[in-house]
Amino acid sequence: MESPQNSILADHIEEKTALVELLIERATDYGKTSYQLIRLKVLSKTSDAISTLLPRMLVGVLVMAFLLFASLGLADWLGEVLGKPYYGSFVVAGAYALIGMFVAVFLHRRLKRMISNFIIFKVLQ
């Protein structure tokens, strides 16, 4: 026969075990919910960054196409003015070389900082 003390002790242990199981269940649910929240935040940030970058890239491609055809037209025109068709190409290429050197020497750090700040802003937004 079981004594009243043992019965009370067994009830107490069962009660504590049930509480621990409930705590573990809630902690597991909290972990799953936190994981889902992090996934959704990452998805939101990624979609925001991509939706911002894609239109800018499209504009960049269109600007590059414009510059390409404008450069070809300018090179042809300069070639006619200078007497030899390839002279115009050399002049346009030289102008791009000078612009490229200017950007590399004077604007490289500023452009790098602007791009870096934009990416950080978008991620932290």
C-alpha atoms as a PDB file:
ATOM      1  CA  MET A   1       0.000   0.000   0.000  1.00  0.00           C
ATOM      2  CA  GLU A   2       1.216   3.462  -0.905  1.00  0.00           C
ATOM      3  CA  SER A   3       1.652   5.990   1.857  1.00  0.00           C
ATOM      4  CA  PRO A   4      -0.006   9.424   1.633  1.00  0.00           C
ATOM      5  CA  GLN A   5       3.451  11.061   1.543  1.00  0.00           C
ATOM      6  CA  ASN A   6       4.502   9.006  -1.459  1.00  0.00           C
ATOM      7  CA  SER A   7       1.232   9.842  -3.199  1.00  0.00           C
ATOM      8  CA  ILE A   8       1.725  13.559  -2.611  1.00  0.00           C
ATOM      9  CA  LEU A   9       5.340  13.306  -3.752  1.00  0.00           C
ATOM     10  CA  ALA A  10       4.316  11.432  -6.915  1.00  0.00           C
ATOM     11  CA  ASP A  11       1.626  14.033  -7.673  1.00  0.00           C
ATOM     12  CA  HIS A  12       4.164  16.800  -7.120  1.00  0.00           C
ATOM     13  CA  ILE A  13       6.683  15.144  -9.468  1.00  0.00           C
ATOM     14  CA  GLU A  14       3.999  14.635 -12.135  1.00  0.00           C
ATOM     15  CA  GLU A  15       2.981  18.277 -11.823  1.00  0.00           C
ATOM     16  CA  LYS A  16       6.585  19.457 -12.188  1.00  0.00           C
ATOM     17  CA  THR A  17       7.149  17.105 -15.145  1.00  0.00           C
ATOM     18  CA  ALA A  18       4.043  18.481 -16.864  1.00  0.00           C
ATOM     19  CA  LEU A  19       5.299  22.038 -16.303  1.00  0.00           C
ATOM     20  CA  VAL A  20       8.724  21.181 -17.715  1.00  0.00           C
ATOM     21  CA  GLU A  21       7.122  19.527 -20.760  1.00  0.00           C
ATOM     22  CA  LEU A  22       4.936  22.597 -21.278  1.00  0.00           C
ATOM     23  CA  LEU A  23       7.987  24.847 -20.983  1.00  0.00           C
ATOM     24  CA  ILE A  24       9.900  22.758 -23.530  1.00  0.00           C
ATOM     25  CA  GLU A  25       6.919  22.828 -25.901  1.00  0.00           C
ATOM     26  CA  ARG A  26       6.599  26.595 -25.626  1.00  0.00           C
ATOM     27  CA  ALA A  27      10.353  27.089 -26.086  1.00  0.00           C
ATOM     28  CA  THR A  28      10.223  24.931 -29.219  1.00  0.00           C
ATOM     29  CA  ASP A  29       7.284  26.947 -30.550  1.00  0.00           C
ATOM     30  CA  TYR A  30       9.150  30.175 -29.780  1.00  0.00           C
ATOM     31  CA  GLY A  31      12.225  28.908 -31.628  1.00  0.00           C
ATOM     32  CA  LYS A  32      10.173  27.928 -34.673  1.00  0.00           C
ATOM     33  CA  THR A  33       8.388  31.282 -34.678  1.00  0.00           C
ATOM     34  CA  SER A  34      11.674  33.171 -34.328  1.00  0.00           C
ATOM     35  CA  TYR A  35      13.155  31.181 -37.218  1.00  0.00           C
ATOM     36  CA  GLN A  36      10.135  31.969 -39.411  1.00  0.00           C
ATOM     37  CA  LEU A  37      10.352  35.657 -38.485  1.00  0.00           C
ATOM     38  CA  ILE A  38      14.047  35.789 -39.416  1.00  0.00           C
ATOM     39  CA  ARG A  39      13.317  34.052 -42.736  1.00  0.00           C
ATOM     40  CA  LEU A  40      10.569  36.565 -43.520  1.00  0.00           C
ATOM     41  CA  LYS A  41      12.790  39.528 -42.610  1.00  0.00           C
ATOM     42  CA  VAL A  42      15.592  38.224 -44.834  1.00  0.00           C
ATOM     43  CA  LEU A  43      13.121  37.664 -47.659  1.00  0.00           C
ATOM     44  CA  SER A  44      11.768  41.191 -47.223  1.00  0.00           C
ATOM     45  CA  LYS A  45      15.239  42.759 -47.266  1.00  0.00           C
ATOM     46  CA  THR A  46      16.316  40.701 -50.262  1.00  0.00           C
ATOM     47  CA  SER A  47      13.208  41.490 -52.279  1.00  0.00           C
ATOM     48  CA  ASP A  48      13.528  45.186 -51.411  1.00  0.00           C
ATOM     49  CA  ALA A  49      17.172  45.282 -52.488  1.00  0.00           C
ATOM     50  CA  ILE A  50      16.488  43.413 -55.730  1.00  0.00           C
ATOM     51  CA  SER A  51      13.424  45.499 -56.558  1.00  0.00           C
ATOM     52  CA  THR A  52      15.523  48.627 -56.081  1.00  0.00           C
ATOM     53  CA  LEU A  53      18.553  47.392 -58.013  1.00  0.00           C
ATOM     54  CA  LEU A  54      16.799  45.913 -61.060  1.00  0.00           C
ATOM     55  CA  PRO A  55      15.238  49.184 -62.300  1.00  0.00           C
ATOM     56  CA  ARG A  56      18.530  50.971 -61.723  1.00  0.00           C
ATOM     57  CA  MET A  57      20.372  48.293 -63.661  1.00  0.00           C
ATOM     58  CA  LEU A  58      17.860  48.625 -66.503  1.00  0.00           C
ATOM     59  CA  VAL A  59      18.414  52.385 -66.596  1.00  0.00           C
ATOM     60  CA  GLY A  60      22.172  51.744 -66.538  1.00  0.00           C
ATOM     61  CA  VAL A  61      21.934  49.388 -69.523  1.00  0.00           C
ATOM     62  CA  LEU A  62      19.856  51.934 -71.454  1.00  0.00           C
ATOM     63  CA  VAL A  63      22.344  54.703 -70.653  1.00  0.00           C
ATOM     64  CA  MET A  64      25.206  52.440 -71.769  1.00  0.00           C
ATOM     65  CA  ALA A  65      23.395  51.695 -75.049  1.00  0.00           C
ATOM     66  CA  PHE A  66      22.832  55.416 -75.597  1.00  0.00           C
ATOM     67  CA  LEU A  67      26.487  56.172 -74.897  1.00  0.00           C
ATOM     68  CA  LEU A  68      27.595  53.393 -77.235  1.00  0.00           C
ATOM     69  CA  PHE A  69      25.571  54.656 -80.171  1.00  0.00           C
ATOM     70  CA  ALA A  70      26.339  58.298 -79.422  1.00  0.00           C
ATOM     71  CA  SER A  71      30.037  57.424 -79.290  1.00  0.00           C
ATOM     72  CA  LEU A  72      29.857  55.559 -82.592  1.00  0.00           C
ATOM     73  CA  GLY A  73      28.081  58.504 -84.205  1.00  0.00           C
ATOM     74  CA  LEU A  74      30.577  60.979 -82.763  1.00  0.00           C
ATOM     75  CA  ALA A  75      33.501  58.822 -83.905  1.00  0.00           C
ATOM     76  CA  ASP A  76      32.086  58.628 -87.455  1.00  0.00           C
ATOM     77  CA  TRP A  77      31.473  62.365 -87.559  1.00  0.00           C
ATOM     78  CA  LEU A  78      34.956  63.168 -86.194  1.00  0.00           C
ATOM     79  CA  GLY A  79      36.452  60.723 -88.689  1.00  0.00           C
ATOM     80  CA  GLU A  80      34.813  62.644 -91.536  1.00  0.00           C
ATOM     81  CA  VAL A  81      35.965  65.974 -90.117  1.00  0.00           C
ATOM     82  CA  LEU A  82      39.533  64.778 -89.549  1.00  0.00           C
ATOM     83  CA  GLY A  83      39.815  63.035 -92.912  1.00  0.00           C
ATOM     84  CA  LYS A  84      40.385  59.435 -91.801  1.00  0.00           C
ATOM     85  CA  PRO A  85      37.588  57.277 -90.328  1.00  0.00           C
ATOM     86  CA  TYR A  86      39.777  55.753 -87.625  1.00  0.00           C
ATOM     87  CA  TYR A  87      40.903  59.158 -86.316  1.00  0.00           C
ATOM     88  CA  GLY A  88      37.427  59.705 -84.907  1.00  0.00           C
ATOM     89  CA  SER A  89      37.556  56.374 -83.083  1.00  0.00           C
ATOM     90  CA  PHE A  90      40.937  57.246 -81.578  1.00  0.00           C
ATOM     91  CA  VAL A  91      39.683  60.645 -80.384  1.00  0.00           C
ATOM     92  CA  VAL A  92      36.569  59.153 -78.765  1.00  0.00           C
ATOM     93  CA  ALA A  93      38.612  56.324 -77.192  1.00  0.00           C
ATOM     94  CA  GLY A  94      41.104  58.871 -75.857  1.00  0.00           C
ATOM     95  CA  ALA A  95      38.279  60.922 -74.349  1.00  0.00           C
ATOM     96  CA  TYR A  96      36.937  57.808 -72.595  1.00  0.00           C
ATOM     97  CA  ALA A  97      40.451  56.990 -71.377  1.00  0.00           C
ATOM     98  CA  LEU A  98      40.785  60.479 -69.860  1.00  0.00           C
ATOM     99  CA  ILE A  99      37.349  60.223 -68.225  1.00  0.00           C
ATOM    100  CA  GLY A 100      38.232  56.766 -66.884  1.00  0.00           C
ATOM    101  CA  MET A 101      41.525  57.996 -65.407  1.00  0.00           C
ATOM    102  CA  PHE A 102      39.754  60.966 -63.820  1.00  0.00           C
ATOM    103  CA  VAL A 103      37.175  58.693 -62.223  1.00  0.00           C
ATOM    104  CA  ALA A 104      39.841  56.222 -61.064  1.00  0.00           C
ATOM    105  CA  VAL A 105      42.007  58.926 -59.514  1.00  0.00           C
ATOM    106  CA  PHE A 106      39.500  61.391 -58.094  1.00  0.00           C
ATOM    107  CA  LEU A 107      36.126  59.698 -57.721  1.00  0.00           C
ATOM    108  CA  HIS A 108      36.931  56.051 -56.935  1.00  0.00           C
ATOM    109  CA  ARG A 109      36.699  56.407 -53.148  1.00  0.00           C
ATOM    110  CA  ARG A 110      33.590  58.577 -53.317  1.00  0.00           C
ATOM    111  CA  LEU A 111      31.795  56.147 -55.644  1.00  0.00           C
ATOM    112  CA  LYS A 112      32.830  53.175 -53.517  1.00  0.00           C
ATOM    113  CA  ARG A 113      31.545  54.913 -50.374  1.00  0.00           C
ATOM    114  CA  MET A 114      28.256  55.881 -52.047  1.00  0.00           C
ATOM    115  CA  ILE A 115      27.611  52.328 -53.257  1.00  0.00           C
ATOM    116  CA  SER A 116      28.583  50.847 -49.901  1.00  0.00           C
ATOM    117  CA  ASN A 117      26.337  53.281 -48.020  1.00  0.00           C
ATOM    118  CA  PHE A 118      23.439  52.519 -50.366  1.00  0.00           C
ATOM    119  CA  ILE A 119      23.765  48.778 -49.781  1.00  0.00           C
ATOM    120  CA  ILE A 120      24.037  49.214 -45.996  1.00  0.00           C
ATOM    121  CA  PHE A 121      21.034  51.571 -45.988  1.00  0.00           C
ATOM    122  CA  LYS A 122      18.934  49.073 -47.931  1.00  0.00           C
ATOM    123  CA  VAL A 123      19.902  46.173 -45.675  1.00  0.00           C
ATOM    124  CA  LEU A 124      19.263  48.089 -42.444  1.00  0.00           C
ATOM    125  CA  GLN A 125      16.041  49.726 -43.655  1.00  0.00           C
END
